[in-house]
Amino acid sequence: MSRQRAERQGRNGEAIAAWWLRLHGWGIVGQRVRTRRGEVDIIARRGSTLAFVEVKTRADAAGLGSAIDEYRLRRVIDAARSLLPRYGKGAEAIRIDVMLVQPWRLPVHLKNVWHG
């Protein structure tokens, strides 16, 4: 897949994930927030819970199964740590979530995937 097509697919997946989160009562407070340590696709808040959300979009279920690994998750965790002072005020629960997006399927929201 070309780099441009992959970028477009990723952006579409992030838009779908943001829509899904909003439908479930989350407010989106940041999208594609970059740091020196990495990028967080979506930062969402619902009540006193703050979620740093990694979105993975793949054309098929097999691709989604291998879309998130320890390396990618570590980059999100490092970025979230550096963004916490900016976005974490008033948050009582802070977590790392993953959204898996596949065309013509409902998104899968994996909650609190990291415990550290």
PDB file of N, CA and C in Angstrom:
ATOM      1  N   MET A   1       0.845  -1.167   0.000  1.00  0.00           N
ATOM      2  CA  MET A   1       0.000   0.000   0.000  1.00  0.00           C
ATOM      3  C   MET A   1       0.900   1.243   0.000  1.00  0.00           C
ATOM      4  N   SER A   2       0.521   2.243  -0.766  1.00  0.00           N
ATOM      5  CA  SER A   2       1.325   3.457  -0.829  1.00  0.00           C
ATOM      6  C   SER A   2       1.249   4.215   0.494  1.00  0.00           C
ATOM      7  N   ARG A   3       2.249   5.018   0.742  1.00  0.00           N
ATOM      8  CA  ARG A   3       2.323   5.806   1.974  1.00  0.00           C
ATOM      9  C   ARG A   3       1.119   6.752   2.085  1.00  0.00           C
ATOM     10  N   GLN A   4       0.752   7.391   0.971  1.00  0.00           N
ATOM     11  CA  GLN A   4      -0.387   8.315   0.979  1.00  0.00           C
ATOM     12  C   GLN A   4      -1.691   7.592   1.281  1.00  0.00           C
ATOM     13  N   ARG A   5      -1.848   6.437   0.694  1.00  0.00           N
ATOM     14  CA  ARG A   5      -3.074   5.662   0.932  1.00  0.00           C
ATOM     15  C   ARG A   5      -3.139   5.193   2.383  1.00  0.00           C
ATOM     16  N   ALA A   6      -2.020   4.750   2.928  1.00  0.00           N
ATOM     17  CA  ALA A   6      -1.968   4.320   4.321  1.00  0.00           C
ATOM     18  C   ALA A   6      -2.281   5.494   5.254  1.00  0.00           C
ATOM     19  N   GLU A   7      -1.746   6.668   4.928  1.00  0.00           N
ATOM     20  CA  GLU A   7      -2.020   7.869   5.725  1.00  0.00           C
ATOM     21  C   GLU A   7      -3.513   8.209   5.691  1.00  0.00           C
ATOM     22  N   ARG A   8      -4.102   8.157   4.539  1.00  0.00           N
ATOM     23  CA  ARG A   8      -5.541   8.441   4.384  1.00  0.00           C
ATOM     24  C   ARG A   8      -6.376   7.420   5.158  1.00  0.00           C
ATOM     25  N   GLN A   9      -6.007   6.145   5.059  1.00  0.00           N
ATOM     26  CA  GLN A   9      -6.716   5.099   5.778  1.00  0.00           C
ATOM     27  C   GLN A   9      -6.604   5.326   7.289  1.00  0.00           C
ATOM     28  N   GLY A  10      -5.428   5.716   7.748  1.00  0.00           N
ATOM     29  CA  GLY A  10      -5.235   5.987   9.171  1.00  0.00           C
ATOM     30  C   GLY A  10      -6.072   7.153   9.651  1.00  0.00           C
ATOM     31  N   ARG A  11      -6.108   8.223   8.881  1.00  0.00           N
ATOM     32  CA  ARG A  11      -6.917   9.392   9.249  1.00  0.00           C
ATOM     33  C   ARG A  11      -8.412   9.043   9.277  1.00  0.00           C
ATOM     34  N   ASN A  12      -8.854   8.267   8.296  1.00  0.00           N
ATOM     35  CA  ASN A  12     -10.258   7.847   8.285  1.00  0.00           C
ATOM     36  C   ASN A  12     -10.570   7.005   9.518  1.00  0.00           C
ATOM     37  N   GLY A  13      -9.670   6.103   9.875  1.00  0.00           N
ATOM     38  CA  GLY A  13      -9.867   5.278  11.059  1.00  0.00           C
ATOM     39  C   GLY A  13      -9.929   6.111  12.325  1.00  0.00           C
ATOM     40  N   GLU A  14      -9.089   7.127  12.413  1.00  0.00           N
ATOM     41  CA  GLU A  14      -9.107   8.010  13.584  1.00  0.00           C
ATOM     42  C   GLU A  14     -10.410   8.790  13.663  1.00  0.00           C
ATOM     43  N   ALA A  15     -10.929   9.225  12.516  1.00  0.00           N
ATOM     44  CA  ALA A  15     -12.212   9.936  12.501  1.00  0.00           C
ATOM     45  C   ALA A  15     -13.342   9.019  12.969  1.00  0.00           C
ATOM     46  N   ILE A  16     -13.323   7.772  12.511  1.00  0.00           N
ATOM     47  CA  ILE A  16     -14.341   6.802  12.936  1.00  0.00           C
ATOM     48  C   ILE A  16     -14.223   6.533  14.427  1.00  0.00           C
ATOM     49  N   ALA A  17     -13.007   6.373  14.914  1.00  0.00           N
ATOM     50  CA  ALA A  17     -12.789   6.121  16.345  1.00  0.00           C
ATOM     51  C   ALA A  17     -13.269   7.297  17.187  1.00  0.00           C
ATOM     52  N   ALA A  18     -12.993   8.526  16.755  1.00  0.00           N
ATOM     53  CA  ALA A  18     -13.449   9.714  17.488  1.00  0.00           C
ATOM     54  C   ALA A  18     -14.971   9.764  17.512  1.00  0.00           C
ATOM     55  N   TRP A  19     -15.579   9.469  16.398  1.00  0.00           N
ATOM     56  CA  TRP A  19     -17.046   9.426  16.306  1.00  0.00           C
ATOM     57  C   TRP A  19     -17.603   8.390  17.293  1.00  0.00           C
ATOM     58  N   TRP A  20     -17.010   7.212  17.305  1.00  0.00           N
ATOM     59  CA  TRP A  20     -17.448   6.132  18.192  1.00  0.00           C
ATOM     60  C   TRP A  20     -17.330   6.548  19.664  1.00  0.00           C
ATOM     61  N   LEU A  21     -16.214   7.160  19.994  1.00  0.00           N
ATOM     62  CA  LEU A  21     -16.015   7.607  21.371  1.00  0.00           C
ATOM     63  C   LEU A  21     -17.059   8.663  21.758  1.00  0.00           C
ATOM     64  N   ARG A  22     -17.316   9.615  20.870  1.00  0.00           N
ATOM     65  CA  ARG A  22     -18.325  10.638  21.154  1.00  0.00           C
ATOM     66  C   ARG A  22     -19.697  10.008  21.376  1.00  0.00           C
ATOM     67  N   LEU A  23     -20.027   9.024  20.569  1.00  0.00           N
ATOM     68  CA  LEU A  23     -21.318   8.330  20.735  1.00  0.00           C
ATOM     69  C   LEU A  23     -21.428   7.642  22.095  1.00  0.00           C
ATOM     70  N   HIS A  24     -20.293   7.324  22.695  1.00  0.00           N
ATOM     71  CA  HIS A  24     -20.264   6.660  23.990  1.00  0.00           C
ATOM     72  C   HIS A  24     -19.938   7.616  25.133  1.00  0.00           C
ATOM     73  N   GLY A  25     -20.155   8.904  24.893  1.00  0.00           N
ATOM     74  CA  GLY A  25     -20.070   9.886  25.960  1.00  0.00           C
ATOM     75  C   GLY A  25     -18.718  10.513  26.221  1.00  0.00           C
ATOM     76  N   TRP A  26     -17.761  10.274  25.338  1.00  0.00           N
ATOM     77  CA  TRP A  26     -16.423  10.835  25.520  1.00  0.00           C
ATOM     78  C   TRP A  26     -16.323  12.175  24.806  1.00  0.00           C
ATOM     79  N   GLY A  27     -15.595  13.093  25.385  1.00  0.00           N
ATOM     80  CA  GLY A  27     -15.247  14.331  24.705  1.00  0.00           C
ATOM     81  C   GLY A  27     -13.835  14.204  24.172  1.00  0.00           C
ATOM     82  N   ILE A  28     -13.620  14.667  22.970  1.00  0.00           N
ATOM     83  CA  ILE A  28     -12.296  14.598  22.360  1.00  0.00           C
ATOM     84  C   ILE A  28     -11.564  15.899  22.700  1.00  0.00           C
ATOM     85  N   VAL A  29     -10.458  15.789  23.421  1.00  0.00           N
ATOM     86  CA  VAL A  29      -9.712  16.979  23.837  1.00  0.00           C
ATOM     87  C   VAL A  29      -8.418  17.151  23.040  1.00  0.00           C
ATOM     88  N   GLY A  30      -8.052  16.152  22.261  1.00  0.00           N
ATOM     89  CA  GLY A  30      -6.867  16.266  21.416  1.00  0.00           C
ATOM     90  C   GLY A  30      -6.850  15.172  20.370  1.00  0.00           C
ATOM     91  N   GLN A  31      -6.345  15.503  19.183  1.00  0.00           N
ATOM     92  CA  GLN A  31      -6.186  14.515  18.121  1.00  0.00           C
ATOM     93  C   GLN A  31      -4.826  14.712  17.473  1.00  0.00           C
ATOM     94  N   ARG A  32      -4.157  13.600  17.211  1.00  0.00           N
ATOM     95  CA  ARG A  32      -2.835  13.601  16.584  1.00  0.00           C
ATOM     96  C   ARG A  32      -1.892  14.551  17.298  1.00  0.00           C
ATOM     97  N   VAL A  33      -1.795  14.348  18.605  1.00  0.00           N
ATOM     98  CA  VAL A  33      -0.941  15.197  19.427  1.00  0.00           C
ATOM     99  C   VAL A  33       0.463  14.594  19.423  1.00  0.00           C
ATOM    100  N   ARG A  34       1.426  15.379  18.966  1.00  0.00           N
ATOM    101  CA  ARG A  34       2.799  14.892  18.818  1.00  0.00           C
ATOM    102  C   ARG A  34       3.690  15.410  19.931  1.00  0.00           C
ATOM    103  N   THR A  35       4.604  14.550  20.325  1.00  0.00           N
ATOM    104  CA  THR A  35       5.641  14.919  21.275  1.00  0.00           C
ATOM    105  C   THR A  35       6.966  14.408  20.719  1.00  0.00           C
ATOM    106  N   ARG A  36       8.052  14.726  21.397  1.00  0.00           N
ATOM    107  CA  ARG A  36       9.345  14.183  20.965  1.00  0.00           C
ATOM    108  C   ARG A  36       9.392  12.678  21.158  1.00  0.00           C
ATOM    109  N   ARG A  37       8.573  12.164  22.048  1.00  0.00           N
ATOM    110  CA  ARG A  37       8.595  10.735  22.366  1.00  0.00           C
ATOM    111  C   ARG A  37       7.644   9.907  21.507  1.00  0.00           C
ATOM    112  N   GLY A  38       6.731  10.541  20.820  1.00  0.00           N
ATOM    113  CA  GLY A  38       5.771   9.806  20.014  1.00  0.00           C
ATOM    114  C   GLY A  38       4.513  10.618  19.802  1.00  0.00           C
ATOM    115  N   GLU A  39       3.492   9.968  19.328  1.00  0.00           N
ATOM    116  CA  GLU A  39       2.234  10.627  19.003  1.00  0.00           C
ATOM    117  C   GLU A  39       1.086   9.877  19.655  1.00  0.00           C
ATOM    118  N   VAL A  40       0.088  10.627  20.085  1.00  0.00           N
ATOM    119  CA  VAL A  40      -1.153  10.037  20.582  1.00  0.00           C
ATOM    120  C   VAL A  40      -2.234  10.380  19.574  1.00  0.00           C
ATOM    121  N   ASP A  41      -2.931   9.364  19.074  1.00  0.00           N
ATOM    122  CA  ASP A  41      -3.942   9.589  18.046  1.00  0.00           C
ATOM    123  C   ASP A  41      -5.123  10.396  18.581  1.00  0.00           C
ATOM    124  N   ILE A  42      -5.654   9.987  19.737  1.00  0.00           N
ATOM    125  CA  ILE A  42      -6.816  10.673  20.321  1.00  0.00           C
ATOM    126  C   ILE A  42      -6.612  10.767  21.825  1.00  0.00           C
ATOM    127  N   ILE A  43      -6.925  11.929  22.372  1.00  0.00           N
ATOM    128  CA  ILE A  43      -6.992  12.101  23.820  1.00  0.00           C
ATOM    129  C   ILE A  43      -8.446  12.413  24.124  1.00  0.00           C
ATOM    130  N   ALA A  44      -9.050  11.574  24.974  1.00  0.00           N
ATOM    131  CA  ALA A  44     -10.481  11.701  25.250  1.00  0.00           C
ATOM    132  C   ALA A  44     -10.727  11.762  26.749  1.00  0.00           C
ATOM    133  N   ARG A  45     -11.800  12.456  27.117  1.00  0.00           N
ATOM    134  CA  ARG A  45     -12.160  12.578  28.528  1.00  0.00           C
ATOM    135  C   ARG A  45     -13.657  12.302  28.678  1.00  0.00           C
ATOM    136  N   ARG A  46     -13.950  11.521  29.703  1.00  0.00           N
ATOM    137  CA  ARG A  46     -15.346  11.284  30.099  1.00  0.00           C
ATOM    138  C   ARG A  46     -15.378  11.376  31.617  1.00  0.00           C
ATOM    139  N   GLY A  47     -16.009  12.426  32.129  1.00  0.00           N
ATOM    140  CA  GLY A  47     -16.014  12.644  33.566  1.00  0.00           C
ATOM    141  C   GLY A  47     -14.595  12.867  34.042  1.00  0.00           C
ATOM    142  N   SER A  48     -14.187  12.104  35.034  1.00  0.00           N
ATOM    143  CA  SER A  48     -12.833  12.255  35.578  1.00  0.00           C
ATOM    144  C   SER A  48     -11.856  11.232  34.995  1.00  0.00           C
ATOM    145  N   THR A  49     -12.242  10.578  33.905  1.00  0.00           N
ATOM    146  CA  THR A  49     -11.368   9.600  33.250  1.00  0.00           C
ATOM    147  C   THR A  49     -10.759  10.210  31.994  1.00  0.00           C
ATOM    148  N   LEU A  50      -9.457  10.084  31.883  1.00  0.00           N
ATOM    149  CA  LEU A  50      -8.719  10.561  30.723  1.00  0.00           C
ATOM    150  C   LEU A  50      -8.133   9.347  30.018  1.00  0.00           C
ATOM    151  N   ALA A  51      -8.366   9.261  28.710  1.00  0.00           N
ATOM    152  CA  ALA A  51      -7.848   8.131  27.937  1.00  0.00           C
ATOM    153  C   ALA A  51      -6.971   8.627  26.795  1.00  0.00           C
ATOM    154  N   PHE A  52      -5.789   8.037  26.696  1.00  0.00           N
ATOM    155  CA  PHE A  52      -4.904   8.245  25.565  1.00  0.00           C
ATOM    156  C   PHE A  52      -5.154   7.050  24.648  1.00  0.00           C
ATOM    157  N   VAL A  53      -5.638   7.330  23.442  1.00  0.00           N
ATOM    158  CA  VAL A  53      -6.152   6.267  22.575  1.00  0.00           C
ATOM    159  C   VAL A  53      -5.276   6.113  21.333  1.00  0.00           C
ATOM    160  N   GLU A  54      -4.777   4.908  21.132  1.00  0.00           N
ATOM    161  CA  GLU A  54      -4.063   4.535  19.912  1.00  0.00           C
ATOM    162  C   GLU A  54      -5.079   3.898  18.973  1.00  0.00           C
ATOM    163  N   VAL A  55      -5.126   4.370  17.738  1.00  0.00           N
ATOM    164  CA  VAL A  55      -6.081   3.858  16.751  1.00  0.00           C
ATOM    165  C   VAL A  55      -5.312   3.075  15.697  1.00  0.00           C
ATOM    166  N   LYS A  56      -5.770   1.875  15.432  1.00  0.00           N
ATOM    167  CA  LYS A  56      -5.182   1.054  14.380  1.00  0.00           C
ATOM    168  C   LYS A  56      -6.267   0.693  13.380  1.00  0.00           C
ATOM    169  N   THR A  57      -5.996   0.964  12.116  1.00  0.00           N
ATOM    170  CA  THR A  57      -6.946   0.694  11.042  1.00  0.00           C
ATOM    171  C   THR A  57      -6.313  -0.291  10.078  1.00  0.00           C
ATOM    172  N   ARG A  58      -7.002  -1.358   9.815  1.00  0.00           N
ATOM    173  CA  ARG A  58      -6.514  -2.372   8.877  1.00  0.00           C
ATOM    174  C   ARG A  58      -7.676  -2.853   8.021  1.00  0.00           C
ATOM    175  N   ALA A  59      -7.348  -3.377   6.855  1.00  0.00           N
ATOM    176  CA  ALA A  59      -8.365  -3.831   5.912  1.00  0.00           C
ATOM    177  C   ALA A  59      -9.016  -5.149   6.328  1.00  0.00           C
ATOM    178  N   ASP A  60      -8.324  -5.943   7.149  1.00  0.00           N
ATOM    179  CA  ASP A  60      -8.897  -7.238   7.533  1.00  0.00           C
ATOM    180  C   ASP A  60      -8.567  -7.560   8.986  1.00  0.00           C
ATOM    181  N   ALA A  61      -9.263  -8.541   9.518  1.00  0.00           N
ATOM    182  CA  ALA A  61      -9.107  -8.925  10.921  1.00  0.00           C
ATOM    183  C   ALA A  61      -7.701  -9.438  11.214  1.00  0.00           C
ATOM    184  N   ALA A  62      -7.094 -10.133  10.272  1.00  0.00           N
ATOM    185  CA  ALA A  62      -5.746 -10.656  10.488  1.00  0.00           C
ATOM    186  C   ALA A  62      -4.764  -9.507  10.685  1.00  0.00           C
ATOM    187  N   GLY A  63      -4.914  -8.446   9.917  1.00  0.00           N
ATOM    188  CA  GLY A  63      -4.046  -7.290  10.070  1.00  0.00           C
ATOM    189  C   GLY A  63      -4.244  -6.589  11.401  1.00  0.00           C
ATOM    190  N   LEU A  64      -5.490  -6.553  11.878  1.00  0.00           N
ATOM    191  CA  LEU A  64      -5.762  -5.929  13.167  1.00  0.00           C
ATOM    192  C   LEU A  64      -5.146  -6.711  14.312  1.00  0.00           C
ATOM    193  N   GLY A  65      -5.108  -8.025  14.158  1.00  0.00           N
ATOM    194  CA  GLY A  65      -4.569  -8.871  15.217  1.00  0.00           C
ATOM    195  C   GLY A  65      -3.111  -8.579  15.534  1.00  0.00           C
ATOM    196  N   SER A  66      -2.381  -8.105  14.542  1.00  0.00           N
ATOM    197  CA  SER A  66      -0.959  -7.822  14.754  1.00  0.00           C
ATOM    198  C   SER A  66      -0.645  -6.323  14.696  1.00  0.00           C
ATOM    199  N   ALA A  67      -1.669  -5.487  14.729  1.00  0.00           N
ATOM    200  CA  ALA A  67      -1.474  -4.043  14.556  1.00  0.00           C
ATOM    201  C   ALA A  67      -0.830  -3.374  15.763  1.00  0.00           C
ATOM    202  N   ILE A  68      -1.072  -3.878  16.935  1.00  0.00           N
ATOM    203  CA  ILE A  68      -0.506  -3.255  18.135  1.00  0.00           C
ATOM    204  C   ILE A  68       0.453  -4.236  18.794  1.00  0.00           C
ATOM    205  N   ASP A  69       1.641  -3.757  19.079  1.00  0.00           N
ATOM    206  CA  ASP A  69       2.635  -4.593  19.719  1.00  0.00           C
ATOM    207  C   ASP A  69       3.294  -3.797  20.843  1.00  0.00           C
ATOM    208  N   GLU A  70       4.219  -4.420  21.533  1.00  0.00           N
ATOM    209  CA  GLU A  70       4.881  -3.796  22.686  1.00  0.00           C
ATOM    210  C   GLU A  70       5.584  -2.495  22.300  1.00  0.00           C
ATOM    211  N   TYR A  71       6.249  -2.479  21.162  1.00  0.00           N
ATOM    212  CA  TYR A  71       6.976  -1.289  20.720  1.00  0.00           C
ATOM    213  C   TYR A  71       6.024  -0.118  20.489  1.00  0.00           C
ATOM    214  N   ARG A  72       4.954  -0.350  19.738  1.00  0.00           N
ATOM    215  CA  ARG A  72       4.005   0.723  19.442  1.00  0.00           C
ATOM    216  C   ARG A  72       3.304   1.210  20.706  1.00  0.00           C
ATOM    217  N   LEU A  73       2.957   0.283  21.559  1.00  0.00           N
ATOM    218  CA  LEU A  73       2.301   0.645  22.815  1.00  0.00           C
ATOM    219  C   LEU A  73       3.240   1.469  23.697  1.00  0.00           C
ATOM    220  N   ARG A  74       4.499   1.108  23.739  1.00  0.00           N
ATOM    221  CA  ARG A  74       5.483   1.843  24.531  1.00  0.00           C
ATOM    222  C   ARG A  74       5.595   3.294  24.056  1.00  0.00           C
ATOM    223  N   ARG A  75       5.555   3.521  22.750  1.00  0.00           N
ATOM    224  CA  ARG A  75       5.621   4.891  22.223  1.00  0.00           C
ATOM    225  C   ARG A  75       4.424   5.721  22.670  1.00  0.00           C
ATOM    226  N   VAL A  76       3.243   5.109  22.672  1.00  0.00           N
ATOM    227  CA  VAL A  76       2.042   5.826  23.133  1.00  0.00           C
ATOM    228  C   VAL A  76       2.168   6.137  24.621  1.00  0.00           C
ATOM    229  N   ILE A  77       2.643   5.179  25.393  1.00  0.00           N
ATOM    230  CA  ILE A  77       2.803   5.374  26.837  1.00  0.00           C
ATOM    231  C   ILE A  77       3.786   6.513  27.108  1.00  0.00           C
ATOM    232  N   ASP A  78       4.901   6.525  26.408  1.00  0.00           N
ATOM    233  CA  ASP A  78       5.894   7.584  26.596  1.00  0.00           C
ATOM    234  C   ASP A  78       5.319   8.949  26.216  1.00  0.00           C
ATOM    235  N   ALA A  79       4.596   9.003  25.114  1.00  0.00           N
ATOM    236  CA  ALA A  79       3.970  10.266  24.698  1.00  0.00           C
ATOM    237  C   ALA A  79       2.924  10.700  25.717  1.00  0.00           C
ATOM    238  N   ALA A  80       2.121   9.759  26.203  1.00  0.00           N
ATOM    239  CA  ALA A  80       1.088  10.087  27.195  1.00  0.00           C
ATOM    240  C   ALA A  80       1.711  10.650  28.460  1.00  0.00           C
ATOM    241  N   ARG A  81       2.800  10.077  28.895  1.00  0.00           N
ATOM    242  CA  ARG A  81       3.485  10.592  30.095  1.00  0.00           C
ATOM    243  C   ARG A  81       3.917  12.044  29.908  1.00  0.00           C
ATOM    244  N   SER A  82       4.408  12.368  28.737  1.00  0.00           N
ATOM    245  CA  SER A  82       4.850  13.745  28.519  1.00  0.00           C
ATOM    246  C   SER A  82       3.670  14.704  28.350  1.00  0.00           C
ATOM    247  N   LEU A  83       2.509  14.196  27.962  1.00  0.00           N
ATOM    248  CA  LEU A  83       1.323  15.041  27.777  1.00  0.00           C
ATOM    249  C   LEU A  83       0.472  15.167  29.032  1.00  0.00           C
ATOM    250  N   LEU A  84       0.741  14.341  30.010  1.00  0.00           N
ATOM    251  CA  LEU A  84      -0.076  14.324  31.223  1.00  0.00           C
ATOM    252  C   LEU A  84      -0.182  15.684  31.925  1.00  0.00           C
ATOM    253  N   PRO A  85       0.912  16.428  32.077  1.00  0.00           N
ATOM    254  CA  PRO A  85       0.766  17.735  32.737  1.00  0.00           C
ATOM    255  C   PRO A  85      -0.191  18.679  31.991  1.00  0.00           C
ATOM    256  N   ARG A  86      -0.236  18.551  30.690  1.00  0.00           N
ATOM    257  CA  ARG A  86      -1.087  19.426  29.859  1.00  0.00           C
ATOM    258  C   ARG A  86      -2.549  19.010  29.865  1.00  0.00           C
ATOM    259  N   TYR A  87      -2.827  17.710  29.849  1.00  0.00           N
ATOM    260  CA  TYR A  87      -4.196  17.218  29.703  1.00  0.00           C
ATOM    261  C   TYR A  87      -4.767  16.554  30.958  1.00  0.00           C
ATOM    262  N   GLY A  88      -3.937  16.277  31.940  1.00  0.00           N
ATOM    263  CA  GLY A  88      -4.363  15.451  33.070  1.00  0.00           C
ATOM    264  C   GLY A  88      -5.001  16.161  34.236  1.00  0.00           C
ATOM    265  N   LYS A  89      -5.126  17.468  34.195  1.00  0.00           N
ATOM    266  CA  LYS A  89      -5.704  18.199  35.330  1.00  0.00           C
ATOM    267  C   LYS A  89      -7.114  17.717  35.639  1.00  0.00           C
ATOM    268  N   GLY A  90      -7.331  17.343  36.890  1.00  0.00           N
ATOM    269  CA  GLY A  90      -8.649  16.902  37.335  1.00  0.00           C
ATOM    270  C   GLY A  90      -8.986  15.460  37.014  1.00  0.00           C
ATOM    271  N   ALA A  91      -8.094  14.763  36.336  1.00  0.00           N
ATOM    272  CA  ALA A  91      -8.363  13.360  35.992  1.00  0.00           C
ATOM    273  C   ALA A  91      -8.040  12.470  37.193  1.00  0.00           C
ATOM    274  N   GLU A  92      -8.985  11.638  37.547  1.00  0.00           N
ATOM    275  CA  GLU A  92      -8.775  10.680  38.640  1.00  0.00           C
ATOM    276  C   GLU A  92      -8.332   9.323  38.114  1.00  0.00           C
ATOM    277  N   ALA A  93      -8.733   9.008  36.900  1.00  0.00           N
ATOM    278  CA  ALA A  93      -8.333   7.752  36.261  1.00  0.00           C
ATOM    279  C   ALA A  93      -7.703   8.098  34.914  1.00  0.00           C
ATOM    280  N   ILE A  94      -6.529   7.554  34.680  1.00  0.00           N
ATOM    281  CA  ILE A  94      -5.819   7.790  33.430  1.00  0.00           C
ATOM    282  C   ILE A  94      -5.490   6.429  32.843  1.00  0.00           C
ATOM    283  N   ARG A  95      -5.796   6.270  31.561  1.00  0.00           N
ATOM    284  CA  ARG A  95      -5.580   4.949  30.972  1.00  0.00           C
ATOM    285  C   ARG A  95      -5.144   5.062  29.513  1.00  0.00           C
ATOM    286  N   ILE A  96      -4.623   3.956  29.022  1.00  0.00           N
ATOM    287  CA  ILE A  96      -4.242   3.804  27.627  1.00  0.00           C
ATOM    288  C   ILE A  96      -5.248   2.844  26.995  1.00  0.00           C
ATOM    289  N   ASP A  97      -5.916   3.300  25.943  1.00  0.00           N
ATOM    290  CA  ASP A  97      -6.883   2.481  25.223  1.00  0.00           C
ATOM    291  C   ASP A  97      -6.400   2.267  23.791  1.00  0.00           C
ATOM    292  N   VAL A  98      -6.955   1.255  23.149  1.00  0.00           N
ATOM    293  CA  VAL A  98      -6.683   0.992  21.734  1.00  0.00           C
ATOM    294  C   VAL A  98      -8.020   0.844  21.033  1.00  0.00           C
ATOM    295  N   MET A  99      -8.151   1.483  19.891  1.00  0.00           N
ATOM    296  CA  MET A  99      -9.334   1.319  19.047  1.00  0.00           C
ATOM    297  C   MET A  99      -8.891   0.619  17.770  1.00  0.00           C
ATOM    298  N   LEU A 100      -9.562  -0.487  17.449  1.00  0.00           N
ATOM    299  CA  LEU A 100      -9.278  -1.241  16.232  1.00  0.00           C
ATOM    300  C   LEU A 100     -10.407  -0.983  15.240  1.00  0.00           C
ATOM    301  N   VAL A 101     -10.035  -0.479  14.061  1.00  0.00           N
ATOM    302  CA  VAL A 101     -11.024  -0.085  13.059  1.00  0.00           C
ATOM    303  C   VAL A 101     -10.791  -0.892  11.793  1.00  0.00           C
ATOM    304  N   GLN A 102     -11.879  -1.481  11.301  1.00  0.00           N
ATOM    305  CA  GLN A 102     -11.851  -2.270  10.073  1.00  0.00           C
ATOM    306  C   GLN A 102     -13.041  -1.834   9.230  1.00  0.00           C
ATOM    307  N   PRO A 103     -12.877  -1.658   7.920  1.00  0.00           N
ATOM    308  CA  PRO A 103     -14.000  -1.236   7.084  1.00  0.00           C
ATOM    309  C   PRO A 103     -15.214  -2.158   7.235  1.00  0.00           C
ATOM    310  N   TRP A 104     -16.366  -1.540   7.311  1.00  0.00           N
ATOM    311  CA  TRP A 104     -17.656  -2.221   7.363  1.00  0.00           C
ATOM    312  C   TRP A 104     -17.871  -3.058   8.623  1.00  0.00           C
ATOM    313  N   ARG A 105     -17.131  -2.752   9.662  1.00  0.00           N
ATOM    314  CA  ARG A 105     -17.287  -3.402  10.962  1.00  0.00           C
ATOM    315  C   ARG A 105     -17.356  -2.316  12.027  1.00  0.00           C
ATOM    316  N   LEU A 106     -18.009  -2.626  13.131  1.00  0.00           N
ATOM    317  CA  LEU A 106     -18.012  -1.694  14.247  1.00  0.00           C
ATOM    318  C   LEU A 106     -16.611  -1.649  14.856  1.00  0.00           C
ATOM    319  N   PRO A 107     -16.176  -0.482  15.292  1.00  0.00           N
ATOM    320  CA  PRO A 107     -14.862  -0.401  15.931  1.00  0.00           C
ATOM    321  C   PRO A 107     -14.826  -1.239  17.205  1.00  0.00           C
ATOM    322  N   VAL A 108     -13.658  -1.734  17.531  1.00  0.00           N
ATOM    323  CA  VAL A 108     -13.449  -2.483  18.771  1.00  0.00           C
ATOM    324  C   VAL A 108     -12.634  -1.586  19.703  1.00  0.00           C
ATOM    325  N   HIS A 109     -13.186  -1.341  20.895  1.00  0.00           N
ATOM    326  CA  HIS A 109     -12.540  -0.462  21.865  1.00  0.00           C
ATOM    327  C   HIS A 109     -11.943  -1.325  22.971  1.00  0.00           C
ATOM    328  N   LEU A 110     -10.618  -1.417  23.001  1.00  0.00           N
ATOM    329  CA  LEU A 110      -9.906  -2.152  24.038  1.00  0.00           C
ATOM    330  C   LEU A 110      -9.537  -1.143  25.129  1.00  0.00           C
ATOM    331  N   LYS A 111     -10.097  -1.327  26.282  1.00  0.00           N
ATOM    332  CA  LYS A 111      -9.951  -0.348  27.363  1.00  0.00           C
ATOM    333  C   LYS A 111      -8.832  -0.728  28.306  1.00  0.00           C
ATOM    334  N   ASN A 112      -8.082   0.289  28.716  1.00  0.00           N
ATOM    335  CA  ASN A 112      -7.060   0.140  29.744  1.00  0.00           C
ATOM    336  C   ASN A 112      -6.100  -1.013  29.441  1.00  0.00           C
ATOM    337  N   VAL A 113      -5.444  -0.928  28.293  1.00  0.00           N
ATOM    338  CA  VAL A 113      -4.599  -2.035  27.819  1.00  0.00           C
ATOM    339  C   VAL A 113      -3.235  -2.086  28.490  1.00  0.00           C
ATOM    340  N   TRP A 114      -2.893  -1.051  29.226  1.00  0.00           N
ATOM    341  CA  TRP A 114      -1.572  -1.025  29.881  1.00  0.00           C
ATOM    342  C   TRP A 114      -1.746  -0.766  31.356  1.00  0.00           C
ATOM    343  N   HIS A 115      -1.039  -1.531  32.151  1.00  0.00           N
ATOM    344  CA  HIS A 115      -1.065  -1.375  33.614  1.00  0.00           C
ATOM    345  C   HIS A 115       0.366  -1.244  34.084  1.00  0.00           C
ATOM    346  N   GLY A 116       0.767  -0.043  34.418  1.00  0.00           N
ATOM    347  CA  GLY A 116       2.151   0.137  34.800  1.00  0.00           C
ATOM    348  C   GLY A 116       2.330   1.086  35.859  1.00  0.00           C
TER     349      GLY A 116
END
